[in-house]
C-alpha atoms as a PDB file:
ATOM      1  CA  MET A   1      89.074  87.328  92.876  1.00  0.00           C
ATOM      2  CA  GLN A   2      87.272  90.376  91.503  1.00  0.00           C
ATOM      3  CA  PRO A   3      89.389  92.529  89.119  1.00  0.00           C
ATOM      4  CA  VAL A   4      88.971  95.634  91.313  1.00  0.00           C
ATOM      5  CA  THR A   5      90.081  93.770  94.453  1.00  0.00           C
ATOM      6  CA  LYS A   6      93.029  92.274  92.613  1.00  0.00           C
ATOM      7  CA  ALA A   7      93.989  95.707  91.273  1.00  0.00           C
ATOM      8  CA  ARG A   8      93.877  97.284  94.745  1.00  0.00           C
ATOM      9  CA  LEU A   9      96.066  94.516  96.192  1.00  0.00           C
ATOM     10  CA  GLN A  10      98.415  94.924  93.260  1.00  0.00           C
ATOM     11  CA  ILE A  11      98.776  98.649  93.958  1.00  0.00           C
ATOM     12  CA  HIS A  12      99.357  98.002  97.671  1.00  0.00           C
ATOM     13  CA  PHE A  13     102.139  95.597  96.702  1.00  0.00           C
ATOM     14  CA  CYS A  14     103.646  98.259  94.427  1.00  0.00           C
ATOM     15  CA  VAL A  15     103.489 100.887  97.167  1.00  0.00           C
ATOM     16  CA  LEU A  16     105.222  98.442  99.501  1.00  0.00           C
ATOM     17  CA  LEU A  17     107.982  98.041  96.909  1.00  0.00           C
ATOM     18  CA  TRP A  18     108.270 101.838  96.644  1.00  0.00           C
ATOM     19  CA  GLY A  19     108.575 101.913 100.420  1.00  0.00           C
ATOM     20  CA  PHE A  20     111.740  99.839 100.076  1.00  0.00           C
ATOM     21  CA  THR A  21     113.410 102.593  98.009  1.00  0.00           C
ATOM     22  CA  ALA A  22     114.212 104.531 101.185  1.00  0.00           C
ATOM     23  CA  ILE A  23     115.569 101.391 102.869  1.00  0.00           C
ATOM     24  CA  LEU A  24     117.755 100.514  99.885  1.00  0.00           C
ATOM     25  CA  GLY A  25     118.941 104.115  99.688  1.00  0.00           C
ATOM     26  CA  LYS A  26     120.224 103.800 103.248  1.00  0.00           C
ATOM     27  CA  LEU A  27     121.815 100.388 102.680  1.00  0.00           C
ATOM     28  CA  ILE A  28     123.623 101.302  99.439  1.00  0.00           C
ATOM     29  CA  THR A  29     127.005 102.749 100.361  1.00  0.00           C
ATOM     30  CA  LEU A  30     127.427 104.835  97.195  1.00  0.00           C
ATOM     31  CA  PRO A  31     127.039 108.634  97.576  1.00  0.00           C
ATOM     32  CA  ALA A  32     123.621 110.028  96.645  1.00  0.00           C
ATOM     33  CA  MET A  33     124.830 111.384  93.275  1.00  0.00           C
ATOM     34  CA  ALA A  34     126.253 108.050  92.122  1.00  0.00           C
ATOM     35  CA  LEU A  35     123.258 106.109  93.483  1.00  0.00           C
ATOM     36  CA  VAL A  36     120.778 108.246  91.528  1.00  0.00           C
ATOM     37  CA  TRP A  37     122.886 108.226  88.366  1.00  0.00           C
ATOM     38  CA  TRP A  38     123.192 104.435  88.338  1.00  0.00           C
ATOM     39  CA  ARG A  39     119.470 104.026  89.041  1.00  0.00           C
ATOM     40  CA  MET A  40     118.522 106.314  86.166  1.00  0.00           C
ATOM     41  CA  VAL A  41     120.995 104.735  83.753  1.00  0.00           C
ATOM     42  CA  LEU A  42     119.848 101.197  84.557  1.00  0.00           C
ATOM     43  CA  VAL A  43     116.130 101.969  84.223  1.00  0.00           C
ATOM     44  CA  ALA A  44     116.484 104.125  81.090  1.00  0.00           C
ATOM     45  CA  GLY A  45     118.784 101.512  79.521  1.00  0.00           C
ATOM     46  CA  ALA A  46     116.277  98.736  80.212  1.00  0.00           C
ATOM     47  CA  LEU A  47     113.463 100.797  78.708  1.00  0.00           C
ATOM     48  CA  LEU A  48     115.495 101.438  75.547  1.00  0.00           C
ATOM     49  CA  LEU A  49     115.502  97.684  74.953  1.00  0.00           C
ATOM     50  CA  MET A  50     111.707  97.750  74.542  1.00  0.00           C
ATOM     51  CA  PRO A  51     110.467  98.290  70.937  1.00  0.00           C
ATOM     52  CA  PRO A  52     107.285 100.164  72.069  1.00  0.00           C
ATOM     53  CA  VAL A  53     109.503 102.813  73.684  1.00  0.00           C
ATOM     54  CA  TRP A  54     111.275 103.458  70.378  1.00  0.00           C
ATOM     55  CA  ARG A  55     107.941 103.665  68.574  1.00  0.00           C
ATOM     56  CA  GLY A  56     106.764 106.168  71.166  1.00  0.00           C
ATOM     57  CA  LEU A  57     109.917 108.240  70.738  1.00  0.00           C
ATOM     58  CA  ARG A  58     109.514 108.375  66.960  1.00  0.00           C
ATOM     59  CA  ALA A  59     105.859 109.394  67.255  1.00  0.00           C
ATOM     60  CA  MET A  60     106.450 112.143  69.840  1.00  0.00           C
ATOM     61  CA  PRO A  61     106.951 115.738  68.578  1.00  0.00           C
ATOM     62  CA  MET A  62     110.326 117.293  69.403  1.00  0.00           C
ATOM     63  CA  LYS A  63     108.701 120.056  71.451  1.00  0.00           C
ATOM     64  CA  LEU A  64     107.053 117.475  73.706  1.00  0.00           C
ATOM     65  CA  ARG A  65     110.290 115.498  74.029  1.00  0.00           C
ATOM     66  CA  LEU A  66     112.036 118.664  75.223  1.00  0.00           C
ATOM     67  CA  ALA A  67     109.251 119.327  77.725  1.00  0.00           C
ATOM     68  CA  TYR A  68     109.616 115.864  79.224  1.00  0.00           C
ATOM     69  CA  ALA A  69     113.397 116.259  79.192  1.00  0.00           C
ATOM     70  CA  GLY A  70     113.011 119.394  81.318  1.00  0.00           C
ATOM     71  CA  ILE A  71     110.850 117.461  83.762  1.00  0.00           C
ATOM     72  CA  GLY A  72     113.586 114.821  83.839  1.00  0.00           C
ATOM     73  CA  VAL A  73     115.954 117.412  85.306  1.00  0.00           C
ATOM     74  CA  LEU A  74     113.470 117.997  88.125  1.00  0.00           C
ATOM     75  CA  VAL A  75     113.179 114.241  88.695  1.00  0.00           C
ATOM     76  CA  ALA A  76     116.978 114.019  88.966  1.00  0.00           C
ATOM     77  CA  LEU A  77     117.054 116.882  91.474  1.00  0.00           C
ATOM     78  CA  HIS A  78     114.261 115.235  93.463  1.00  0.00           C
ATOM     79  CA  TRP A  79     115.975 111.851  93.664  1.00  0.00           C
ATOM     80  CA  LEU A  80     119.318 113.501  94.416  1.00  0.00           C
ATOM     81  CA  SER A  81     117.887 115.492  97.337  1.00  0.00           C
ATOM     82  CA  PHE A  82     115.772 112.529  98.515  1.00  0.00           C
ATOM     83  CA  TYR A  83     118.730 110.170  98.791  1.00  0.00           C
ATOM     84  CA  ALA A  84     120.943 112.936 100.168  1.00  0.00           C
ATOM     85  CA  ALA A  85     118.361 113.400 102.930  1.00  0.00           C
ATOM     86  CA  ILE A  86     118.518 109.678 103.698  1.00  0.00           C
ATOM     87  CA  LYS A  87     122.324 109.746 103.797  1.00  0.00           C
ATOM     88  CA  LEU A  88     122.361 112.865 106.017  1.00  0.00           C
ATOM     89  CA  ALA A  89     119.577 111.608 108.320  1.00  0.00           C
ATOM     90  CA  ASN A  90     117.888 108.238 107.858  1.00  0.00           C
ATOM     91  CA  ALA A  91     115.215 106.438 105.836  1.00  0.00           C
ATOM     92  CA  SER A  92     112.375 107.482 108.164  1.00  0.00           C
ATOM     93  CA  VAL A  93     113.198 111.180 107.797  1.00  0.00           C
ATOM     94  CA  GLY A  94     113.461 110.886 104.002  1.00  0.00           C
ATOM     95  CA  ALA A  95     110.134 109.045 103.781  1.00  0.00           C
ATOM     96  CA  THR A  96     108.417 111.584 106.035  1.00  0.00           C
ATOM     97  CA  CYS A  97     109.583 114.436 103.828  1.00  0.00           C
ATOM     98  CA  ILE A  98     108.084 112.707 100.789  1.00  0.00           C
ATOM     99  CA  ALA A  99     104.731 112.861 102.581  1.00  0.00           C
ATOM    100  CA  LEU A 100     104.971 116.649 102.269  1.00  0.00           C
ATOM    101  CA  GLY A 101     104.710 116.351  98.477  1.00  0.00           C
ATOM    102  CA  PRO A 102     100.889 116.607  98.323  1.00  0.00           C
ATOM    103  CA  ALA A 103     100.985 119.730 100.524  1.00  0.00           C
ATOM    104  CA  PHE A 104     103.403 121.439  98.126  1.00  0.00           C
ATOM    105  CA  LEU A 105     101.330 120.100  95.224  1.00  0.00           C
ATOM    106  CA  ALA A 106      98.240 121.806  96.646  1.00  0.00           C
ATOM    107  CA  LEU A 107     100.026 125.160  96.420  1.00  0.00           C
ATOM    108  CA  ILE A 108     101.966 124.688  93.194  1.00  0.00           C
ATOM    109  CA  GLU A 109      99.543 122.875  90.884  1.00  0.00           C
ATOM    110  CA  PRO A 110      96.968 125.721  90.558  1.00  0.00           C
ATOM    111  CA  TRP A 111      99.775 128.084  89.553  1.00  0.00           C
ATOM    112  CA  LEU A 112     101.277 125.693  86.983  1.00  0.00           C
ATOM    113  CA  ALA A 113      97.886 124.545  85.687  1.00  0.00           C
ATOM    114  CA  GLY A 114      96.626 128.108  85.316  1.00  0.00           C
ATOM    115  CA  ARG A 115      93.464 127.521  87.335  1.00  0.00           C
ATOM    116  CA  ARG A 116      91.915 129.368  90.261  1.00  0.00           C
ATOM    117  CA  PHE A 117      93.409 128.693  93.659  1.00  0.00           C
ATOM    118  CA  ASP A 118      91.203 126.593  95.932  1.00  0.00           C
ATOM    119  CA  PRO A 119      91.196 127.684  99.620  1.00  0.00           C
ATOM    120  CA  ARG A 120      90.833 124.009 100.599  1.00  0.00           C
ATOM    121  CA  GLU A 121      94.316 123.420  99.214  1.00  0.00           C
ATOM    122  CA  LEU A 122      95.753 126.173 101.413  1.00  0.00           C
ATOM    123  CA  LEU A 123      94.078 124.468 104.370  1.00  0.00           C
ATOM    124  CA  VAL A 124      95.839 121.204 103.550  1.00  0.00           C
ATOM    125  CA  ALA A 125      99.195 122.955 103.185  1.00  0.00           C
ATOM    126  CA  MET A 126      98.789 124.828 106.476  1.00  0.00           C
ATOM    127  CA  ALA A 127      97.748 121.659 108.298  1.00  0.00           C
ATOM    128  CA  VAL A 128     101.167 120.072 107.761  1.00  0.00           C
ATOM    129  CA  VAL A 129     103.064 122.992 109.342  1.00  0.00           C
ATOM    130  CA  PRO A 130     102.632 121.868 112.973  1.00  0.00           C
ATOM    131  CA  GLY A 131     103.497 118.327 111.895  1.00  0.00           C
ATOM    132  CA  VAL A 132     106.767 119.497 110.338  1.00  0.00           C
ATOM    133  CA  ALA A 133     107.572 121.460 113.520  1.00  0.00           C
ATOM    134  CA  MET A 134     106.962 118.349 115.630  1.00  0.00           C
ATOM    135  CA  VAL A 135     109.070 116.199 113.296  1.00  0.00           C
ATOM    136  CA  ALA A 136     111.926 118.727 113.513  1.00  0.00           C
ATOM    137  CA  GLY A 137     111.684 118.653 117.304  1.00  0.00           C
ATOM    138  CA  GLY A 138     111.887 114.860 117.310  1.00  0.00           C
ATOM    139  CA  VAL A 139     114.944 114.640 115.053  1.00  0.00           C
ATOM    140  CA  PRO A 140     118.453 114.707 116.579  1.00  0.00           C
ATOM    141  CA  GLY A 141     120.411 117.871 115.795  1.00  0.00           C
ATOM    142  CA  HIS A 142     122.849 116.124 113.471  1.00  0.00           C
ATOM    143  CA  MET A 143     119.943 114.931 111.276  1.00  0.00           C
ATOM    144  CA  ARG A 144     118.294 118.307 110.741  1.00  0.00           C
ATOM    145  CA  ALA A 145     120.325 119.078 107.636  1.00  0.00           C
ATOM    146  CA  GLY A 146     118.881 115.878 106.183  1.00  0.00           C
ATOM    147  CA  LEU A 147     115.380 117.016 107.133  1.00  0.00           C
ATOM    148  CA  ALA A 148     115.906 120.346 105.333  1.00  0.00           C
ATOM    149  CA  VAL A 149     117.194 118.617 102.194  1.00  0.00           C
ATOM    150  CA  GLY A 150     114.257 116.204 102.400  1.00  0.00           C
ATOM    151  CA  VAL A 151     111.774 119.086 102.417  1.00  0.00           C
ATOM    152  CA  LEU A 152     113.475 120.374  99.263  1.00  0.00           C
ATOM    153  CA  SER A 153     113.021 116.931  97.693  1.00  0.00           C
ATOM    154  CA  ALA A 154     109.274 117.140  98.405  1.00  0.00           C
ATOM    155  CA  LEU A 155     109.160 120.492  96.618  1.00  0.00           C
ATOM    156  CA  PHE A 156     110.733 118.903  93.532  1.00  0.00           C
ATOM    157  CA  VAL A 157     108.122 116.097  93.732  1.00  0.00           C
ATOM    158  CA  ALA A 158     105.348 118.679  93.564  1.00  0.00           C
ATOM    159  CA  LEU A 159     106.990 120.475  90.645  1.00  0.00           C
ATOM    160  CA  PHE A 160     107.537 117.467  88.405  1.00  0.00           C
ATOM    161  CA  GLY A 161     104.243 115.892  89.489  1.00  0.00           C
ATOM    162  CA  SER A 162     102.315 119.014  88.492  1.00  0.00           C
ATOM    163  CA  LEU A 163     104.079 119.253  85.143  1.00  0.00           C
ATOM    164  CA  ASN A 164     103.568 115.559  84.401  1.00  0.00           C
ATOM    165  CA  LYS A 165      99.849 115.905  85.139  1.00  0.00           C
ATOM    166  CA  ARG A 166      99.672 118.953  82.872  1.00  0.00           C
ATOM    167  CA  LEU A 167     101.150 116.922  80.006  1.00  0.00           C
ATOM    168  CA  ALA A 168      99.241 113.735  80.824  1.00  0.00           C
ATOM    169  CA  GLY A 169      97.934 111.804  77.841  1.00  0.00           C
ATOM    170  CA  ASN A 170     100.501 113.240  75.410  1.00  0.00           C
ATOM    171  CA  GLY A 171     102.788 110.241  75.392  1.00  0.00           C
ATOM    172  CA  ASP A 172     103.154 106.568  76.237  1.00  0.00           C
ATOM    173  CA  PRO A 173     104.059 106.298  79.970  1.00  0.00           C
ATOM    174  CA  LEU A 174     107.062 104.036  79.367  1.00  0.00           C
ATOM    175  CA  THR A 175     108.385 106.373  76.672  1.00  0.00           C
ATOM    176  CA  VAL A 176     107.897 109.380  78.928  1.00  0.00           C
ATOM    177  CA  THR A 177     109.730 107.615  81.763  1.00  0.00           C
ATOM    178  CA  CYS A 178     112.614 106.745  79.448  1.00  0.00           C
ATOM    179  CA  ILE A 179     112.978 110.359  78.311  1.00  0.00           C
ATOM    180  CA  GLU A 180     112.783 111.750  81.838  1.00  0.00           C
ATOM    181  CA  LEU A 181     115.201 109.294  83.428  1.00  0.00           C
ATOM    182  CA  GLY A 182     117.606 109.343  80.477  1.00  0.00           C
ATOM    183  CA  THR A 183     117.691 113.133  80.554  1.00  0.00           C
ATOM    184  CA  GLY A 184     118.080 113.058  84.329  1.00  0.00           C
ATOM    185  CA  ALA A 185     121.159 110.832  84.013  1.00  0.00           C
ATOM    186  CA  LEU A 186     122.610 113.152  81.367  1.00  0.00           C
ATOM    187  CA  PHE A 187     121.949 116.180  83.594  1.00  0.00           C
ATOM    188  CA  LEU A 188     123.764 114.551  86.531  1.00  0.00           C
ATOM    189  CA  SER A 189     126.675 113.678  84.220  1.00  0.00           C
ATOM    190  CA  LEU A 190     127.008 117.378  83.353  1.00  0.00           C
ATOM    191  CA  LEU A 191     126.462 118.507  86.948  1.00  0.00           C
ATOM    192  CA  ALA A 192     128.993 116.165  88.590  1.00  0.00           C
ATOM    193  CA  PRO A 193     132.188 117.958  87.392  1.00  0.00           C
ATOM    194  CA  LEU A 194     130.886 121.201  88.928  1.00  0.00           C
ATOM    195  CA  LEU A 195     130.527 119.680  92.399  1.00  0.00           C
ATOM    196  CA  PRO A 196     133.368 118.900  94.818  1.00  0.00           C
ATOM    197  CA  HIS A 197     134.081 115.199  95.276  1.00  0.00           C
ATOM    198  CA  THR A 198     136.972 112.867  95.900  1.00  0.00           C
ATOM    199  CA  GLY A 199     137.573 110.100  93.395  1.00  0.00           C
ATOM    200  CA  PRO A 200     135.291 109.376  90.408  1.00  0.00           C
ATOM    201  CA  ALA A 201     131.858 110.995  90.429  1.00  0.00           C
ATOM    202  CA  PHE A 202     130.151 107.730  89.473  1.00  0.00           C
ATOM    203  CA  PRO A 203     132.248 104.880  90.894  1.00  0.00           C
ATOM    204  CA  TRP A 204     131.548 101.286  89.934  1.00  0.00           C
ATOM    205  CA  PRO A 205     129.481  99.692  92.692  1.00  0.00           C
ATOM    206  CA  ASP A 206     130.939  96.747  94.570  1.00  0.00           C
ATOM    207  CA  ALA A 207     129.071  93.437  94.613  1.00  0.00           C
ATOM    208  CA  HIS A 208     126.986  94.453  97.657  1.00  0.00           C
ATOM    209  CA  ASP A 209     125.861  97.753  96.123  1.00  0.00           C
ATOM    210  CA  ALA A 210     125.398  96.218  92.667  1.00  0.00           C
ATOM    211  CA  TRP A 211     122.794  93.739  93.900  1.00  0.00           C
ATOM    212  CA  LEU A 212     120.982  96.458  95.857  1.00  0.00           C
ATOM    213  CA  LEU A 213     121.031  98.796  92.838  1.00  0.00           C
ATOM    214  CA  LEU A 214     119.499  96.082  90.670  1.00  0.00           C
ATOM    215  CA  ALA A 215     116.788  95.532  93.276  1.00  0.00           C
ATOM    216  CA  LEU A 216     116.163  99.286  93.449  1.00  0.00           C
ATOM    217  CA  SER A 217     116.106  99.787  89.673  1.00  0.00           C
ATOM    218  CA  PHE A 218     114.099  96.750  88.615  1.00  0.00           C
ATOM    219  CA  GLY A 219     112.339  95.425  91.713  1.00  0.00           C
ATOM    220  CA  CYS A 220     111.312  98.838  93.082  1.00  0.00           C
ATOM    221  CA  THR A 221     111.032 100.785  89.825  1.00  0.00           C
ATOM    222  CA  LEU A 222     110.238  98.916  86.611  1.00  0.00           C
ATOM    223  CA  LEU A 223     108.259  96.064  88.191  1.00  0.00           C
ATOM    224  CA  PRO A 224     105.826  98.243  90.207  1.00  0.00           C
ATOM    225  CA  PHE A 225     105.536 100.709  87.334  1.00  0.00           C
ATOM    226  CA  THR A 226     104.364  97.932  85.008  1.00  0.00           C
ATOM    227  CA  LEU A 227     101.993  96.449  87.591  1.00  0.00           C
ATOM    228  CA  VAL A 228     100.412  99.823  88.317  1.00  0.00           C
ATOM    229  CA  LEU A 229      99.785 100.497  84.630  1.00  0.00           C
ATOM    230  CA  VAL A 230      97.761  97.261  84.531  1.00  0.00           C
ATOM    231  CA  ALA A 231      95.955  97.971  87.826  1.00  0.00           C
ATOM    232  CA  LEU A 232      94.905 101.472  86.731  1.00  0.00           C
ATOM    233  CA  ARG A 233      92.436  99.884  84.310  1.00  0.00           C
ATOM    234  CA  HIS A 234      90.294  98.802  87.268  1.00  0.00           C
ATOM    235  CA  VAL A 235      90.625 101.478  89.988  1.00  0.00           C
ATOM    236  CA  THR A 236      89.668 105.115  90.264  1.00  0.00           C
ATOM    237  CA  ALA A 237      92.166 107.939  90.633  1.00  0.00           C
ATOM    238  CA  PHE A 238      90.826 108.519  94.159  1.00  0.00           C
ATOM    239  CA  ALA A 239      91.595 104.931  95.182  1.00  0.00           C
ATOM    240  CA  MET A 240      95.005 105.162  93.536  1.00  0.00           C
ATOM    241  CA  GLN A 241      95.901 108.363  95.374  1.00  0.00           C
ATOM    242  CA  MET A 242      94.705 107.066  98.753  1.00  0.00           C
ATOM    243  CA  ILE A 243      96.792 103.900  98.408  1.00  0.00           C
ATOM    244  CA  THR A 244      99.923 105.675  97.164  1.00  0.00           C
ATOM    245  CA  ASN A 245      99.685 108.055 100.118  1.00  0.00           C
ATOM    246  CA  LEU A 246     100.550 105.020 102.251  1.00  0.00           C
ATOM    247  CA  GLU A 247     104.058 104.947 100.829  1.00  0.00           C
ATOM    248  CA  PRO A 248     105.659 106.908 103.731  1.00  0.00           C
ATOM    249  CA  VAL A 249     103.809 104.682 106.201  1.00  0.00           C
ATOM    250  CA  TYR A 250     105.235 101.527 104.624  1.00  0.00           C
ATOM    251  CA  ALA A 251     108.712 103.076 104.442  1.00  0.00           C
ATOM    252  CA  ILE A 252     108.730 104.171 108.095  1.00  0.00           C
ATOM    253  CA  VAL A 253     107.450 100.802 109.320  1.00  0.00           C
ATOM    254  CA  LEU A 254     110.078  99.006 107.211  1.00  0.00           C
ATOM    255  CA  ALA A 255     112.774 101.320 108.595  1.00  0.00           C
ATOM    256  CA  MET A 256     111.692 100.429 112.128  1.00  0.00           C
ATOM    257  CA  LEU A 257     111.624  96.690 111.435  1.00  0.00           C
ATOM    258  CA  LEU A 258     114.747  96.402 109.273  1.00  0.00           C
ATOM    259  CA  LEU A 259     116.964  99.266 110.459  1.00  0.00           C
ATOM    260  CA  GLY A 260     115.746  99.864 114.019  1.00  0.00           C
ATOM    261  CA  GLU A 261     115.421 103.593 113.347  1.00  0.00           C
ATOM    262  CA  GLN A 262     112.870 104.107 116.125  1.00  0.00           C
ATOM    263  CA  ARG A 263     115.865 104.112 118.491  1.00  0.00           C
ATOM    264  CA  GLN A 264     117.201 107.247 116.755  1.00  0.00           C
ATOM    265  CA  LEU A 265     113.944 109.245 116.880  1.00  0.00           C
ATOM    266  CA  ASP A 266     111.636 110.218 119.719  1.00  0.00           C
ATOM    267  CA  GLY A 267     107.865 110.441 120.182  1.00  0.00           C
ATOM    268  CA  TRP A 268     107.622 113.972 118.785  1.00  0.00           C
ATOM    269  CA  PHE A 269     108.860 112.721 115.409  1.00  0.00           C
ATOM    270  CA  TYR A 270     106.165 110.057 115.131  1.00  0.00           C
ATOM    271  CA  ALA A 271     103.466 112.436 116.424  1.00  0.00           C
ATOM    272  CA  GLY A 272     104.468 114.893 113.703  1.00  0.00           C
ATOM    273  CA  VAL A 273     104.306 112.121 111.112  1.00  0.00           C
ATOM    274  CA  LEU A 274     100.707 111.394 112.146  1.00  0.00           C
ATOM    275  CA  VAL A 275      99.758 115.072 111.758  1.00  0.00           C
ATOM    276  CA  ILE A 276     101.350 115.258 108.298  1.00  0.00           C
ATOM    277  CA  LEU A 277      99.696 112.025 107.143  1.00  0.00           C
ATOM    278  CA  ALA A 278      96.290 113.199 108.401  1.00  0.00           C
ATOM    279  CA  ALA A 279      96.590 116.290 106.216  1.00  0.00           C
ATOM    280  CA  VAL A 280      97.840 114.263 103.242  1.00  0.00           C
ATOM    281  CA  PHE A 281      94.930 111.815 103.428  1.00  0.00           C
ATOM    282  CA  ALA A 282      92.453 114.682 103.768  1.00  0.00           C
ATOM    283  CA  HIS A 283      93.524 116.135 100.423  1.00  0.00           C
ATOM    284  CA  PRO A 284      91.982 113.501  98.100  1.00  0.00           C
ATOM    285  CA  PHE A 285      88.777 113.506 100.187  1.00  0.00           C
ATOM    286  CA  LEU A 286      88.415 117.246  99.575  1.00  0.00           C
ATOM    287  CA  HIS A 287      88.742 116.690  95.827  1.00  0.00           C
ATOM    288  CA  ARG A 288      87.067 113.315  95.453  1.00  0.00           C
ATOM    289  CA  LYS A 289      84.455 114.519  92.973  1.00  0.00           C
ATOM    290  CA  GLU A 290      87.131 116.149  90.828  1.00  0.00           C
ATOM    291  CA  LEU A 291      89.307 113.075  90.431  1.00  0.00           C
ATOM    292  CA  ALA A 292      88.687 111.342  87.117  1.00  0.00           C
ATOM    293  CA  PRO A 293      88.454 107.555  86.954  1.00  0.00           C
ATOM    294  CA  ALA A 294      91.668 105.605  86.398  1.00  0.00           C
ATOM    295  CA  ALA A 295      93.980 108.585  85.838  1.00  0.00           C
ATOM    296  CA  ALA A 296      97.341 107.344  84.577  1.00  0.00           C
ATOM    297  CA  GLU A 297      98.806 110.792  85.184  1.00  0.00           C
ATOM    298  CA  LEU A 298      99.021 109.885  88.875  1.00  0.00           C
ATOM    299  CA  LEU A 299     102.067 107.889  87.845  1.00  0.00           C
ATOM    300  CA  GLY A 300     104.177 111.001  88.226  1.00  0.00           C
ATOM    301  CA  THR A 301     103.259 112.392  91.609  1.00  0.00           C
ATOM    302  CA  SER A 302     105.333 110.502  94.157  1.00  0.00           C
ATOM    303  CA  GLU A 303     108.993 109.566  94.591  1.00  0.00           C
ATOM    304  CA  GLY A 304     109.242 109.067  90.865  1.00  0.00           C
ATOM    305  CA  HIS A 305     108.375 105.657  92.132  1.00  0.00           C
ATOM    306  CA  GLN A 306     105.372 106.018  90.013  1.00  0.00           C
ATOM    307  CA  LEU A 307     107.718 107.255  87.390  1.00  0.00           C
ATOM    308  CA  ASP A 308     110.190 105.457  88.637  1.00  0.00           C
END
């Protein structure tokens, strides 16, 4: 098998694993705060066992460590709102909201990167508006709070994705991930006492949740992250972005097959999803010439899955 073909299949497999994050988020019975905290602690703890991560930490200037720590807070807020959306609605709604990330990115990145705004990016952002309206019309009333929280999670994706791209190349990806997720866990530890809750903020998971958390943390986070780092040596950034844009598609199909969520949503929801995905896939085509080959910075622009 040709290296490029193998790399593309590898990335598809990783995106499929990322698609399972929404499914696992629905199946894990822990509240969103505890789910995210355990996921961040497990992944950051595993990374701290790797000698290259410690070498990367020692080599990184303090100012850069603090910058990545700040991004880690945004990652924590993204995951918290993403899994809250799934708990309030369902996996399909959460995955659809993630598809809005590139639309927010089109508006936010020029501002954060300090470059001129491209009218094509406004076109992409505007194109998702009717899709969001259709999705809202196809979601039962009791799930609309989840949809709103999910849209907020997509905004956080765009924020930390833009900042990660701005700092791309300044640190080893595994070291950066360790800093961001470790800081995110610390941030949630400080945030938890300020929020109302019954019982401990971070309860120990039972056997059922423990196995699912391990699958989420290692099978859907560290494993695909490592595989993608290898695959990026053989594919262009354009190919990477087009494949990763399939993540909501995989998640929604998995939710239909494994959770039967199509019975909770009507045709307007799925029509809106198609409109949103059409706009999302148009974005990399509009910027194909501007995408550099094999850009590892794309590892920070989705559900942290790429971070993750």
